[in-house]
Amino acid sequence: MNPSRRNMLKMGGMTLALIPIVALAAKNDGIRASMKYKDTPEGDKKCADCNLFVPGASATAPGGCKVFPNDTEISPNGYCIAWAKKA
């Protein structure tokens, strides 16, 4: 095996090892904790009815939120303390 091919295989292995880390980072766990985010509604307050929620592909699919940058796993039935009723 030549050295350049060996390096390519090493880099490929390291890239595959990082994929789960990148996926977890997309959740913004620190911000979620500070905003007391949960996947269930708080009474009649839920993300789908919040002005900050960015809807997903369907009404039941996870979406995003302006409070949680790059987080695409926000439940439409979730809630956090930043909840603001849609106008």
C-alpha atoms as a PDB file:
ATOM      1  CA  MET A   1       0.000   0.000   0.000  1.00  0.00           C
ATOM      2  CA  ASN A   2       1.477   3.375  -0.934  1.00  0.00           C
ATOM      3  CA  PRO A   3       1.712   6.229   1.638  1.00  0.00           C
ATOM      4  CA  SER A   4      -0.889   8.497  -0.004  1.00  0.00           C
ATOM      5  CA  ARG A   5      -3.494   5.737  -0.053  1.00  0.00           C
ATOM      6  CA  ARG A   6      -2.750   4.952   3.597  1.00  0.00           C
ATOM      7  CA  ASN A   7      -3.246   8.625   4.526  1.00  0.00           C
ATOM      8  CA  MET A   8      -6.517   8.730   2.613  1.00  0.00           C
ATOM      9  CA  LEU A   9      -7.807   5.685   4.512  1.00  0.00           C
ATOM     10  CA  LYS A  10      -6.784   7.224   7.846  1.00  0.00           C
ATOM     11  CA  MET A  11      -8.579  10.477   7.036  1.00  0.00           C
ATOM     12  CA  GLY A  12     -11.678   8.581   5.906  1.00  0.00           C
ATOM     13  CA  GLY A  13     -11.756   6.652   9.178  1.00  0.00           C
ATOM     14  CA  MET A  14     -11.406   9.824  11.239  1.00  0.00           C
ATOM     15  CA  THR A  15     -14.175  11.499   9.245  1.00  0.00           C
ATOM     16  CA  LEU A  16     -16.530   8.579   9.902  1.00  0.00           C
ATOM     17  CA  ALA A  17     -15.691   8.709  13.599  1.00  0.00           C
ATOM     18  CA  LEU A  18     -16.685  12.402  13.759  1.00  0.00           C
ATOM     19  CA  ILE A  19     -20.113  11.994  12.144  1.00  0.00           C
ATOM     20  CA  PRO A  20     -21.939  11.083  15.408  1.00  0.00           C
ATOM     21  CA  ILE A  21     -20.271  14.010  17.202  1.00  0.00           C
ATOM     22  CA  VAL A  22     -21.460  16.455  14.546  1.00  0.00           C
ATOM     23  CA  ALA A  23     -24.990  15.037  14.726  1.00  0.00           C
ATOM     24  CA  LEU A  24     -25.102  15.524  18.494  1.00  0.00           C
ATOM     25  CA  ALA A  25     -23.713  19.044  18.243  1.00  0.00           C
ATOM     26  CA  ALA A  26     -26.703  20.059  16.082  1.00  0.00           C
ATOM     27  CA  LYS A  27     -28.972  19.753  19.110  1.00  0.00           C
ATOM     28  CA  ASN A  28     -27.466  22.699  21.052  1.00  0.00           C
ATOM     29  CA  ASP A  29     -27.834  20.849  24.361  1.00  0.00           C
ATOM     30  CA  GLY A  30     -26.414  23.751  26.381  1.00  0.00           C
ATOM     31  CA  ILE A  31     -28.900  26.271  25.009  1.00  0.00           C
ATOM     32  CA  ARG A  32     -31.726  23.745  25.322  1.00  0.00           C
ATOM     33  CA  ALA A  33     -30.934  23.297  29.012  1.00  0.00           C
ATOM     34  CA  SER A  34     -30.686  27.030  29.719  1.00  0.00           C
ATOM     35  CA  MET A  35     -34.003  27.658  27.951  1.00  0.00           C
ATOM     36  CA  LYS A  36     -35.613  24.682  29.747  1.00  0.00           C
ATOM     37  CA  TYR A  37     -36.591  23.072  26.422  1.00  0.00           C
ATOM     38  CA  LYS A  38     -38.664  19.907  26.574  1.00  0.00           C
ATOM     39  CA  ASP A  39     -40.306  17.766  23.875  1.00  0.00           C
ATOM     40  CA  THR A  40     -43.767  18.121  25.416  1.00  0.00           C
ATOM     41  CA  PRO A  41     -46.105  21.137  25.593  1.00  0.00           C
ATOM     42  CA  GLU A  42     -46.573  23.333  28.649  1.00  0.00           C
ATOM     43  CA  GLY A  43     -50.347  23.435  28.935  1.00  0.00           C
ATOM     44  CA  ASP A  44     -51.588  24.837  25.627  1.00  0.00           C
ATOM     45  CA  LYS A  45     -48.178  26.351  24.773  1.00  0.00           C
ATOM     46  CA  LYS A  46     -46.227  24.382  22.164  1.00  0.00           C
ATOM     47  CA  CYS A  47     -43.549  25.179  19.608  1.00  0.00           C
ATOM     48  CA  ALA A  48     -45.923  24.845  16.640  1.00  0.00           C
ATOM     49  CA  ASP A  49     -47.822  27.878  18.000  1.00  0.00           C
ATOM     50  CA  CYS A  50     -44.676  29.900  18.789  1.00  0.00           C
ATOM     51  CA  ASN A  51     -43.500  32.874  16.741  1.00  0.00           C
ATOM     52  CA  LEU A  52     -39.889  31.615  16.952  1.00  0.00           C
ATOM     53  CA  PHE A  53     -40.553  28.098  15.585  1.00  0.00           C
ATOM     54  CA  VAL A  54     -39.417  27.222  12.050  1.00  0.00           C
ATOM     55  CA  PRO A  55     -41.690  24.395  10.815  1.00  0.00           C
ATOM     56  CA  GLY A  56     -40.265  21.152   9.449  1.00  0.00           C
ATOM     57  CA  ALA A  57     -41.256  19.334   6.250  1.00  0.00           C
ATOM     58  CA  SER A  58     -44.709  18.473   7.649  1.00  0.00           C
ATOM     59  CA  ALA A  59     -46.884  19.570  10.558  1.00  0.00           C
ATOM     60  CA  THR A  60     -45.605  16.704  12.719  1.00  0.00           C
ATOM     61  CA  ALA A  61     -41.955  16.726  11.585  1.00  0.00           C
ATOM     62  CA  PRO A  62     -39.251  18.300  13.758  1.00  0.00           C
ATOM     63  CA  GLY A  63     -38.325  21.830  12.782  1.00  0.00           C
ATOM     64  CA  GLY A  64     -35.989  24.583  13.873  1.00  0.00           C
ATOM     65  CA  CYS A  65     -36.112  27.543  16.206  1.00  0.00           C
ATOM     66  CA  LYS A  66     -34.644  31.042  16.079  1.00  0.00           C
ATOM     67  CA  VAL A  67     -33.471  30.582  19.695  1.00  0.00           C
ATOM     68  CA  PHE A  68     -31.535  27.366  18.923  1.00  0.00           C
ATOM     69  CA  PRO A  69     -29.207  28.104  15.960  1.00  0.00           C
ATOM     70  CA  ASN A  70     -28.797  25.221  13.483  1.00  0.00           C
ATOM     71  CA  ASP A  71     -30.916  22.902  15.654  1.00  0.00           C
ATOM     72  CA  THR A  72     -33.236  21.009  13.325  1.00  0.00           C
ATOM     73  CA  GLU A  73     -34.685  18.607  15.885  1.00  0.00           C
ATOM     74  CA  ILE A  74     -37.193  20.846  17.657  1.00  0.00           C
ATOM     75  CA  SER A  75     -40.499  19.071  18.240  1.00  0.00           C
ATOM     76  CA  PRO A  76     -43.604  20.974  17.110  1.00  0.00           C
ATOM     77  CA  ASN A  77     -45.091  19.763  20.420  1.00  0.00           C
ATOM     78  CA  GLY A  78     -42.121  21.016  22.453  1.00  0.00           C
ATOM     79  CA  TYR A  79     -41.848  24.044  24.724  1.00  0.00           C
ATOM     80  CA  CYS A  80     -39.201  26.367  26.186  1.00  0.00           C
ATOM     81  CA  ILE A  81     -39.256  29.545  28.281  1.00  0.00           C
ATOM     82  CA  ALA A  82     -38.744  31.724  25.175  1.00  0.00           C
ATOM     83  CA  TRP A  83     -42.209  30.739  23.894  1.00  0.00           C
ATOM     84  CA  ALA A  84     -43.943  33.669  22.189  1.00  0.00           C
ATOM     85  CA  LYS A  85     -47.465  33.312  20.795  1.00  0.00           C
ATOM     86  CA  LYS A  86     -47.766  33.620  17.021  1.00  0.00           C
ATOM     87  CA  ALA A  87     -49.334  36.887  15.961  1.00  0.00           C
END
